[in-house]
Amino acid sequence: MCCGIAIGALIGPRIGLLVWWLLNPGLFRDAFANWLLPLVFALFAPFTMIFFMISWYISPGISGFDWILIIIGIMLDISSYGGGYRSRRGYAGI
């Protein structure tokens, strides 16, 4: 059960990005100049890319409040990687 949740948490955002790209490839084409940057984002920082694409969908270009959304995405990516390390280490928390 726990492994299924972990696999879903790791693969879920990437599947969501894939579905979003299949439904609206023009948005990704407008947001990124080439295909390499979205691929790297999707592999290593999917939450950051999701929040970046939400910001870009709301208004093309990144400014003001959009940076807060991107920072939230970065924090989610860091916590998803850090949480896996913490659970492998056997830390149960306080």
PDB file of N, CA and C in Angstrom:
ATOM      1  N   MET A   1       0.823  -1.187   0.000  1.00  0.00           N
ATOM      2  CA  MET A   1       0.000   0.000   0.000  1.00  0.00           C
ATOM      3  C   MET A   1       0.870   1.253   0.000  1.00  0.00           C
ATOM      4  N   CYS A   2       1.834   1.296   0.888  1.00  0.00           N
ATOM      5  CA  CYS A   2       2.690   2.466   1.005  1.00  0.00           C
ATOM      6  C   CYS A   2       3.520   2.663  -0.259  1.00  0.00           C
ATOM      7  N   CYS A   3       3.993   1.587  -0.844  1.00  0.00           N
ATOM      8  CA  CYS A   3       4.779   1.687  -2.084  1.00  0.00           C
ATOM      9  C   CYS A   3       3.918   2.212  -3.225  1.00  0.00           C
ATOM     10  N   GLY A   4       2.666   1.812  -3.255  1.00  0.00           N
ATOM     11  CA  GLY A   4       1.752   2.297  -4.296  1.00  0.00           C
ATOM     12  C   GLY A   4       1.523   3.790  -4.194  1.00  0.00           C
ATOM     13  N   ILE A   5       1.411   4.287  -2.980  1.00  0.00           N
ATOM     14  CA  ILE A   5       1.243   5.726  -2.767  1.00  0.00           C
ATOM     15  C   ILE A   5       2.501   6.470  -3.185  1.00  0.00           C
ATOM     16  N   ALA A   6       3.650   5.932  -2.852  1.00  0.00           N
ATOM     17  CA  ALA A   6       4.914   6.572  -3.228  1.00  0.00           C
ATOM     18  C   ALA A   6       5.096   6.598  -4.738  1.00  0.00           C
ATOM     19  N   ILE A   7       4.774   5.502  -5.395  1.00  0.00           N
ATOM     20  CA  ILE A   7       4.889   5.456  -6.850  1.00  0.00           C
ATOM     21  C   ILE A   7       3.903   6.425  -7.484  1.00  0.00           C
ATOM     22  N   GLY A   8       2.701   6.493  -6.954  1.00  0.00           N
ATOM     23  CA  GLY A   8       1.711   7.443  -7.468  1.00  0.00           C
ATOM     24  C   GLY A   8       2.140   8.881  -7.289  1.00  0.00           C
ATOM     25  N   ALA A   9       2.782   9.174  -6.153  1.00  0.00           N
ATOM     26  CA  ALA A   9       3.250  10.537  -5.906  1.00  0.00           C
ATOM     27  C   ALA A   9       4.397  10.908  -6.838  1.00  0.00           C
ATOM     28  N   LEU A  10       5.213   9.942  -7.196  1.00  0.00           N
ATOM     29  CA  LEU A  10       6.330  10.221  -8.099  1.00  0.00           C
ATOM     30  C   LEU A  10       5.892  10.298  -9.559  1.00  0.00           C
ATOM     31  N   ILE A  11       4.992   9.435  -9.961  1.00  0.00           N
ATOM     32  CA  ILE A  11       4.596   9.371 -11.359  1.00  0.00           C
ATOM     33  C   ILE A  11       3.393  10.265 -11.655  1.00  0.00           C
ATOM     34  N   GLY A  12       2.559  10.531 -10.669  1.00  0.00           N
ATOM     35  CA  GLY A  12       1.339  11.293 -10.869  1.00  0.00           C
ATOM     36  C   GLY A  12       1.525  12.651 -11.538  1.00  0.00           C
ATOM     37  N   PRO A  13       2.439  13.506 -11.045  1.00  0.00           N
ATOM     38  CA  PRO A  13       2.612  14.803 -11.690  1.00  0.00           C
ATOM     39  C   PRO A  13       3.121  14.690 -13.128  1.00  0.00           C
ATOM     40  N   ARG A  14       3.930  13.700 -13.391  1.00  0.00           N
ATOM     41  CA  ARG A  14       4.452  13.516 -14.751  1.00  0.00           C
ATOM     42  C   ARG A  14       3.350  13.066 -15.702  1.00  0.00           C
ATOM     43  N   ILE A  15       2.471  12.200 -15.219  1.00  0.00           N
ATOM     44  CA  ILE A  15       1.333  11.777 -16.039  1.00  0.00           C
ATOM     45  C   ILE A  15       0.396  12.962 -16.271  1.00  0.00           C
ATOM     46  N   GLY A  16       0.197  13.771 -15.230  1.00  0.00           N
ATOM     47  CA  GLY A  16      -0.630  14.966 -15.387  1.00  0.00           C
ATOM     48  C   GLY A  16      -0.062  15.920 -16.428  1.00  0.00           C
ATOM     49  N   LEU A  17       1.253  16.106 -16.429  1.00  0.00           N
ATOM     50  CA  LEU A  17       1.886  16.959 -17.431  1.00  0.00           C
ATOM     51  C   LEU A  17       1.729  16.373 -18.830  1.00  0.00           C
ATOM     52  N   LEU A  18       1.871  15.065 -18.944  1.00  0.00           N
ATOM     53  CA  LEU A  18       1.711  14.415 -20.243  1.00  0.00           C
ATOM     54  C   LEU A  18       0.295  14.608 -20.776  1.00  0.00           C
ATOM     55  N   VAL A  19      -0.701  14.404 -19.932  1.00  0.00           N
ATOM     56  CA  VAL A  19      -2.088  14.591 -20.351  1.00  0.00           C
ATOM     57  C   VAL A  19      -2.345  16.040 -20.727  1.00  0.00           C
ATOM     58  N   TRP A  20      -1.824  16.971 -19.930  1.00  0.00           N
ATOM     59  CA  TRP A  20      -1.996  18.392 -20.231  1.00  0.00           C
ATOM     60  C   TRP A  20      -1.351  18.739 -21.565  1.00  0.00           C
ATOM     61  N   TRP A  21      -0.156  18.181 -21.829  1.00  0.00           N
ATOM     62  CA  TRP A  21       0.526  18.436 -23.093  1.00  0.00           C
ATOM     63  C   TRP A  21      -0.262  17.853 -24.266  1.00  0.00           C
ATOM     64  N   LEU A  22      -0.850  16.668 -24.079  1.00  0.00           N
ATOM     65  CA  LEU A  22      -1.650  16.067 -25.146  1.00  0.00           C
ATOM     66  C   LEU A  22      -2.912  16.882 -25.428  1.00  0.00           C
ATOM     67  N   LEU A  23      -3.494  17.469 -24.399  1.00  0.00           N
ATOM     68  CA  LEU A  23      -4.712  18.263 -24.576  1.00  0.00           C
ATOM     69  C   LEU A  23      -4.446  19.667 -25.101  1.00  0.00           C
ATOM     70  N   ASN A  24      -3.297  20.248 -24.740  1.00  0.00           N
ATOM     71  CA  ASN A  24      -3.008  21.630 -25.125  1.00  0.00           C
ATOM     72  C   ASN A  24      -1.523  21.810 -25.452  1.00  0.00           C
ATOM     73  N   PRO A  25      -1.045  21.226 -26.563  1.00  0.00           N
ATOM     74  CA  PRO A  25       0.382  21.343 -26.876  1.00  0.00           C
ATOM     75  C   PRO A  25       0.797  22.768 -27.240  1.00  0.00           C
ATOM     76  N   GLY A  26      -0.126  23.576 -27.694  1.00  0.00           N
ATOM     77  CA  GLY A  26       0.191  24.961 -28.050  1.00  0.00           C
ATOM     78  C   GLY A  26       0.661  25.777 -26.860  1.00  0.00           C
ATOM     79  N   LEU A  27       0.107  25.510 -25.695  1.00  0.00           N
ATOM     80  CA  LEU A  27       0.522  26.225 -24.485  1.00  0.00           C
ATOM     81  C   LEU A  27       1.982  25.921 -24.158  1.00  0.00           C
ATOM     82  N   PHE A  28       2.373  24.673 -24.276  1.00  0.00           N
ATOM     83  CA  PHE A  28       3.759  24.292 -24.016  1.00  0.00           C
ATOM     84  C   PHE A  28       4.691  24.887 -25.067  1.00  0.00           C
ATOM     85  N   ARG A  29       4.237  24.918 -26.316  1.00  0.00           N
ATOM     86  CA  ARG A  29       5.034  25.491 -27.388  1.00  0.00           C
ATOM     87  C   ARG A  29       5.242  26.991 -27.171  1.00  0.00           C
ATOM     88  N   ASP A  30       4.223  27.671 -26.662  1.00  0.00           N
ATOM     89  CA  ASP A  30       4.340  29.108 -26.387  1.00  0.00           C
ATOM     90  C   ASP A  30       5.217  29.392 -25.172  1.00  0.00           C
ATOM     91  N   ALA A  31       5.162  28.538 -24.182  1.00  0.00           N
ATOM     92  CA  ALA A  31       5.883  28.778 -22.932  1.00  0.00           C
ATOM     93  C   ALA A  31       7.372  28.475 -23.043  1.00  0.00           C
ATOM     94  N   PHE A  32       7.735  27.520 -23.883  1.00  0.00           N
ATOM     95  CA  PHE A  32       9.134  27.106 -23.990  1.00  0.00           C
ATOM     96  C   PHE A  32       9.615  27.241 -25.429  1.00  0.00           C
ATOM     97  N   ALA A  33      10.871  27.654 -25.583  1.00  0.00           N
ATOM     98  CA  ALA A  33      11.438  27.867 -26.918  1.00  0.00           C
ATOM     99  C   ALA A  33      11.807  26.549 -27.605  1.00  0.00           C
ATOM    100  N   ASN A  34      12.233  25.560 -26.832  1.00  0.00           N
ATOM    101  CA  ASN A  34      12.613  24.271 -27.420  1.00  0.00           C
ATOM    102  C   ASN A  34      12.045  23.140 -26.573  1.00  0.00           C
ATOM    103  N   TRP A  35      12.336  21.922 -26.936  1.00  0.00           N
ATOM    104  CA  TRP A  35      11.754  20.765 -26.247  1.00  0.00           C
ATOM    105  C   TRP A  35      12.605  20.278 -25.078  1.00  0.00           C
ATOM    106  N   LEU A  36      13.863  20.717 -24.987  1.00  0.00           N
ATOM    107  CA  LEU A  36      14.767  20.189 -23.967  1.00  0.00           C
ATOM    108  C   LEU A  36      14.416  20.673 -22.557  1.00  0.00           C
ATOM    109  N   LEU A  37      14.126  21.950 -22.407  1.00  0.00           N
ATOM    110  CA  LEU A  37      13.808  22.493 -21.077  1.00  0.00           C
ATOM    111  C   LEU A  37      12.549  21.867 -20.473  1.00  0.00           C
ATOM    112  N   PRO A  38      11.448  21.730 -21.211  1.00  0.00           N
ATOM    113  CA  PRO A  38      10.290  21.055 -20.594  1.00  0.00           C
ATOM    114  C   PRO A  38      10.554  19.593 -20.245  1.00  0.00           C
ATOM    115  N   LEU A  39      11.393  18.931 -21.032  1.00  0.00           N
ATOM    116  CA  LEU A  39      11.729  17.542 -20.721  1.00  0.00           C
ATOM    117  C   LEU A  39      12.493  17.448 -19.407  1.00  0.00           C
ATOM    118  N   VAL A  40      13.471  18.331 -19.215  1.00  0.00           N
ATOM    119  CA  VAL A  40      14.249  18.342 -17.969  1.00  0.00           C
ATOM    120  C   VAL A  40      13.347  18.706 -16.788  1.00  0.00           C
ATOM    121  N   PHE A  41      12.486  19.721 -16.978  1.00  0.00           N
ATOM    122  CA  PHE A  41      11.534  20.088 -15.928  1.00  0.00           C
ATOM    123  C   PHE A  41      10.648  18.908 -15.564  1.00  0.00           C
ATOM    124  N   ALA A  42      10.095  18.226 -16.554  1.00  0.00           N
ATOM    125  CA  ALA A  42       9.171  17.131 -16.295  1.00  0.00           C
ATOM    126  C   ALA A  42       9.853  15.968 -15.584  1.00  0.00           C
ATOM    127  N   LEU A  43      11.121  15.729 -15.876  1.00  0.00           N
ATOM    128  CA  LEU A  43      11.828  14.614 -15.239  1.00  0.00           C
ATOM    129  C   LEU A  43      12.259  14.926 -13.811  1.00  0.00           C
ATOM    130  N   PHE A  44      12.764  16.138 -13.581  1.00  0.00           N
ATOM    131  CA  PHE A  44      13.386  16.435 -12.290  1.00  0.00           C
ATOM    132  C   PHE A  44      12.594  17.383 -11.398  1.00  0.00           C
ATOM    133  N   ALA A  45      11.708  18.201 -11.964  1.00  0.00           N
ATOM    134  CA  ALA A  45      10.955  19.171 -11.165  1.00  0.00           C
ATOM    135  C   ALA A  45       9.522  19.291 -11.696  1.00  0.00           C
ATOM    136  N   PRO A  46       8.735  18.209 -11.602  1.00  0.00           N
ATOM    137  CA  PRO A  46       7.401  18.248 -12.202  1.00  0.00           C
ATOM    138  C   PRO A  46       6.447  19.229 -11.523  1.00  0.00           C
ATOM    139  N   PHE A  47       6.526  19.377 -10.212  1.00  0.00           N
ATOM    140  CA  PHE A  47       5.631  20.312  -9.536  1.00  0.00           C
ATOM    141  C   PHE A  47       5.941  21.752  -9.927  1.00  0.00           C
ATOM    142  N   THR A  48       7.225  22.067 -10.066  1.00  0.00           N
ATOM    143  CA  THR A  48       7.607  23.405 -10.505  1.00  0.00           C
ATOM    144  C   THR A  48       7.071  23.668 -11.905  1.00  0.00           C
ATOM    145  N   MET A  49       7.155  22.677 -12.777  1.00  0.00           N
ATOM    146  CA  MET A  49       6.650  22.857 -14.132  1.00  0.00           C
ATOM    147  C   MET A  49       5.142  23.009 -14.146  1.00  0.00           C
ATOM    148  N   ILE A  50       4.442  22.267 -13.303  1.00  0.00           N
ATOM    149  CA  ILE A  50       2.982  22.398 -13.234  1.00  0.00           C
ATOM    150  C   ILE A  50       2.600  23.816 -12.817  1.00  0.00           C
ATOM    151  N   PHE A  51       3.242  24.333 -11.774  1.00  0.00           N
ATOM    152  CA  PHE A  51       2.915  25.685 -11.327  1.00  0.00           C
ATOM    153  C   PHE A  51       3.365  26.737 -12.336  1.00  0.00           C
ATOM    154  N   PHE A  52       4.474  26.485 -13.040  1.00  0.00           N
ATOM    155  CA  PHE A  52       4.903  27.393 -14.106  1.00  0.00           C
ATOM    156  C   PHE A  52       3.866  27.425 -15.222  1.00  0.00           C
ATOM    157  N   MET A  53       3.361  26.261 -15.605  1.00  0.00           N
ATOM    158  CA  MET A  53       2.367  26.202 -16.673  1.00  0.00           C
ATOM    159  C   MET A  53       1.038  26.812 -16.243  1.00  0.00           C
ATOM    160  N   ILE A  54       0.664  26.660 -14.983  1.00  0.00           N
ATOM    161  CA  ILE A  54      -0.548  27.320 -14.479  1.00  0.00           C
ATOM    162  C   ILE A  54      -0.375  28.830 -14.561  1.00  0.00           C
ATOM    163  N   SER A  55       0.793  29.320 -14.153  1.00  0.00           N
ATOM    164  CA  SER A  55       1.063  30.757 -14.228  1.00  0.00           C
ATOM    165  C   SER A  55       1.035  31.240 -15.669  1.00  0.00           C
ATOM    166  N   TRP A  56       1.618  30.468 -16.565  1.00  0.00           N
ATOM    167  CA  TRP A  56       1.655  30.845 -17.978  1.00  0.00           C
ATOM    168  C   TRP A  56       0.254  30.790 -18.580  1.00  0.00           C
ATOM    169  N   TYR A  57      -0.572  29.843 -18.146  1.00  0.00           N
ATOM    170  CA  TYR A  57      -1.939  29.713 -18.649  1.00  0.00           C
ATOM    171  C   TYR A  57      -2.795  30.908 -18.233  1.00  0.00           C
ATOM    172  N   ILE A  58      -2.603  31.374 -17.000  1.00  0.00           N
ATOM    173  CA  ILE A  58      -3.381  32.506 -16.500  1.00  0.00           C
ATOM    174  C   ILE A  58      -3.045  33.764 -17.289  1.00  0.00           C
ATOM    175  N   SER A  59      -1.762  34.054 -17.412  1.00  0.00           N
ATOM    176  CA  SER A  59      -1.328  35.212 -18.207  1.00  0.00           C
ATOM    177  C   SER A  59       0.067  34.924 -18.739  1.00  0.00           C
ATOM    178  N   PRO A  60       0.230  34.927 -20.072  1.00  0.00           N
ATOM    179  CA  PRO A  60       1.558  34.649 -20.640  1.00  0.00           C
ATOM    180  C   PRO A  60       2.609  35.604 -20.082  1.00  0.00           C
ATOM    181  N   GLY A  61       3.716  35.032 -19.687  1.00  0.00           N
ATOM    182  CA  GLY A  61       4.762  35.797 -19.025  1.00  0.00           C
ATOM    183  C   GLY A  61       4.696  35.553 -17.524  1.00  0.00           C
ATOM    184  N   ILE A  62       5.815  35.722 -16.874  1.00  0.00           N
ATOM    185  CA  ILE A  62       5.899  35.476 -15.436  1.00  0.00           C
ATOM    186  C   ILE A  62       6.234  36.785 -14.741  1.00  0.00           C
ATOM    187  N   SER A  63       5.361  37.206 -13.833  1.00  0.00           N
ATOM    188  CA  SER A  63       5.616  38.418 -13.059  1.00  0.00           C
ATOM    189  C   SER A  63       4.740  38.414 -11.818  1.00  0.00           C
ATOM    190  N   GLY A  64       5.172  39.146 -10.802  1.00  0.00           N
ATOM    191  CA  GLY A  64       4.376  39.332  -9.593  1.00  0.00           C
ATOM    192  C   GLY A  64       4.024  38.052  -8.869  1.00  0.00           C
ATOM    193  N   PHE A  65       2.722  37.792  -8.752  1.00  0.00           N
ATOM    194  CA  PHE A  65       2.196  36.656  -8.002  1.00  0.00           C
ATOM    195  C   PHE A  65       2.634  35.327  -8.609  1.00  0.00           C
ATOM    196  N   ASP A  66       2.942  35.315  -9.887  1.00  0.00           N
ATOM    197  CA  ASP A  66       3.374  34.076 -10.544  1.00  0.00           C
ATOM    198  C   ASP A  66       4.623  33.500  -9.891  1.00  0.00           C
ATOM    199  N   TRP A  67       5.501  34.357  -9.419  1.00  0.00           N
ATOM    200  CA  TRP A  67       6.719  33.882  -8.750  1.00  0.00           C
ATOM    201  C   TRP A  67       6.392  33.143  -7.458  1.00  0.00           C
ATOM    202  N   ILE A  68       5.349  33.557  -6.781  1.00  0.00           N
ATOM    203  CA  ILE A  68       4.939  32.852  -5.554  1.00  0.00           C
ATOM    204  C   ILE A  68       4.490  31.439  -5.892  1.00  0.00           C
ATOM    205  N   LEU A  69       3.729  31.296  -6.984  1.00  0.00           N
ATOM    206  CA  LEU A  69       3.304  29.956  -7.409  1.00  0.00           C
ATOM    207  C   LEU A  69       4.501  29.086  -7.774  1.00  0.00           C
ATOM    208  N   ILE A  70       5.472  29.656  -8.460  1.00  0.00           N
ATOM    209  CA  ILE A  70       6.658  28.893  -8.853  1.00  0.00           C
ATOM    210  C   ILE A  70       7.467  28.489  -7.621  1.00  0.00           C
ATOM    211  N   ILE A  71       7.562  29.362  -6.641  1.00  0.00           N
ATOM    212  CA  ILE A  71       8.270  29.030  -5.397  1.00  0.00           C
ATOM    213  C   ILE A  71       7.555  27.903  -4.661  1.00  0.00           C
ATOM    214  N   ILE A  72       6.227  27.901  -4.687  1.00  0.00           N
ATOM    215  CA  ILE A  72       5.466  26.792  -4.082  1.00  0.00           C
ATOM    216  C   ILE A  72       5.798  25.487  -4.803  1.00  0.00           C
ATOM    217  N   GLY A  73       5.889  25.516  -6.122  1.00  0.00           N
ATOM    218  CA  GLY A  73       6.260  24.334  -6.886  1.00  0.00           C
ATOM    219  C   GLY A  73       7.648  23.839  -6.538  1.00  0.00           C
ATOM    220  N   ILE A  74       8.596  24.765  -6.393  1.00  0.00           N
ATOM    221  CA  ILE A  74       9.962  24.388  -6.012  1.00  0.00           C
ATOM    222  C   ILE A  74       9.962  23.734  -4.634  1.00  0.00           C
ATOM    223  N   MET A  75       9.204  24.306  -3.700  1.00  0.00           N
ATOM    224  CA  MET A  75       9.131  23.727  -2.352  1.00  0.00           C
ATOM    225  C   MET A  75       8.515  22.336  -2.382  1.00  0.00           C
ATOM    226  N   LEU A  76       7.494  22.123  -3.215  1.00  0.00           N
ATOM    227  CA  LEU A  76       6.902  20.786  -3.329  1.00  0.00           C
ATOM    228  C   LEU A  76       7.889  19.786  -3.914  1.00  0.00           C
ATOM    229  N   ASP A  77       8.660  20.210  -4.913  1.00  0.00           N
ATOM    230  CA  ASP A  77       9.672  19.308  -5.477  1.00  0.00           C
ATOM    231  C   ASP A  77      10.729  18.952  -4.445  1.00  0.00           C
ATOM    232  N   ILE A  78      11.219  19.943  -3.729  1.00  0.00           N
ATOM    233  CA  ILE A  78      12.239  19.682  -2.713  1.00  0.00           C
ATOM    234  C   ILE A  78      11.681  18.775  -1.618  1.00  0.00           C
ATOM    235  N   SER A  79      10.446  19.032  -1.197  1.00  0.00           N
ATOM    236  CA  SER A  79       9.874  18.200  -0.132  1.00  0.00           C
ATOM    237  C   SER A  79       9.599  16.780  -0.614  1.00  0.00           C
ATOM    238  N   SER A  80       9.259  16.610  -1.885  1.00  0.00           N
ATOM    239  CA  SER A  80       9.028  15.246  -2.370  1.00  0.00           C
ATOM    240  C   SER A  80      10.328  14.445  -2.408  1.00  0.00           C
ATOM    241  N   TYR A  81      11.428  15.082  -2.786  1.00  0.00           N
ATOM    242  CA  TYR A  81      12.711  14.389  -2.765  1.00  0.00           C
ATOM    243  C   TYR A  81      13.222  14.230  -1.339  1.00  0.00           C
ATOM    244  N   GLY A  82      13.075  15.246  -0.513  1.00  0.00           N
ATOM    245  CA  GLY A  82      13.538  15.181   0.870  1.00  0.00           C
ATOM    246  C   GLY A  82      12.734  14.218   1.708  1.00  0.00           C
ATOM    247  N   GLY A  83      11.441  14.106   1.449  1.00  0.00           N
ATOM    248  CA  GLY A  83      10.607  13.185   2.200  1.00  0.00           C
ATOM    249  C   GLY A  83      10.985  11.743   1.941  1.00  0.00           C
ATOM    250  N   GLY A  84      11.362  11.427   0.711  1.00  0.00           N
ATOM    251  CA  GLY A  84      11.806  10.074   0.395  1.00  0.00           C
ATOM    252  C   GLY A  84      13.091   9.728   1.121  1.00  0.00           C
ATOM    253  N   TYR A  85      14.005  10.689   1.191  1.00  0.00           N
ATOM    254  CA  TYR A  85      15.262  10.463   1.903  1.00  0.00           C
ATOM    255  C   TYR A  85      15.002  10.248   3.381  1.00  0.00           C
ATOM    256  N   ARG A  86      14.092  11.046   3.928  1.00  0.00           N
ATOM    257  CA  ARG A  86      13.798  10.963   5.354  1.00  0.00           C
ATOM    258  C   ARG A  86      13.166   9.625   5.720  1.00  0.00           C
ATOM    259  N   SER A  87      12.266   9.132   4.859  1.00  0.00           N
ATOM    260  CA  SER A  87      11.621   7.862   5.182  1.00  0.00           C
ATOM    261  C   SER A  87      12.589   6.688   4.998  1.00  0.00           C
ATOM    262  N   ARG A  88      13.515   6.778   4.042  1.00  0.00           N
ATOM    263  CA  ARG A  88      14.512   5.702   3.891  1.00  0.00           C
ATOM    264  C   ARG A  88      15.453   5.662   5.074  1.00  0.00           C
ATOM    265  N   ARG A  89      15.703   6.821   5.652  1.00  0.00           N
ATOM    266  CA  ARG A  89      16.615   6.901   6.791  1.00  0.00           C
ATOM    267  C   ARG A  89      15.987   6.323   8.053  1.00  0.00           C
ATOM    268  N   GLY A  90      14.675   6.159   8.049  1.00  0.00           N
ATOM    269  CA  GLY A  90      14.000   5.578   9.196  1.00  0.00           C
ATOM    270  C   GLY A  90      13.577   6.584  10.234  1.00  0.00           C
ATOM    271  N   TYR A  91      13.527   7.859   9.871  1.00  0.00           N
ATOM    272  CA  TYR A  91      13.135   8.894  10.811  1.00  0.00           C
ATOM    273  C   TYR A  91      11.623   8.936  10.896  1.00  0.00           C
ATOM    274  N   ALA A  92      11.094   8.704  12.076  1.00  0.00           N
ATOM    275  CA  ALA A  92       9.646   8.659  12.261  1.00  0.00           C
ATOM    276  C   ALA A  92       9.068  10.029  12.616  1.00  0.00           C
ATOM    277  N   GLY A  93       9.908  10.969  12.957  1.00  0.00           N
ATOM    278  CA  GLY A  93       9.406  12.293  13.326  1.00  0.00           C
ATOM    279  C   GLY A  93       9.129  12.396  14.803  1.00  0.00           C
ATOM    280  N   ILE A  94       8.736  13.561  15.192  1.00  0.00           N
ATOM    281  CA  ILE A  94       8.466  13.793  16.618  1.00  0.00           C
ATOM    282  C   ILE A  94       6.971  13.904  16.834  1.00  0.00           C
TER     283      ILE A  94
END
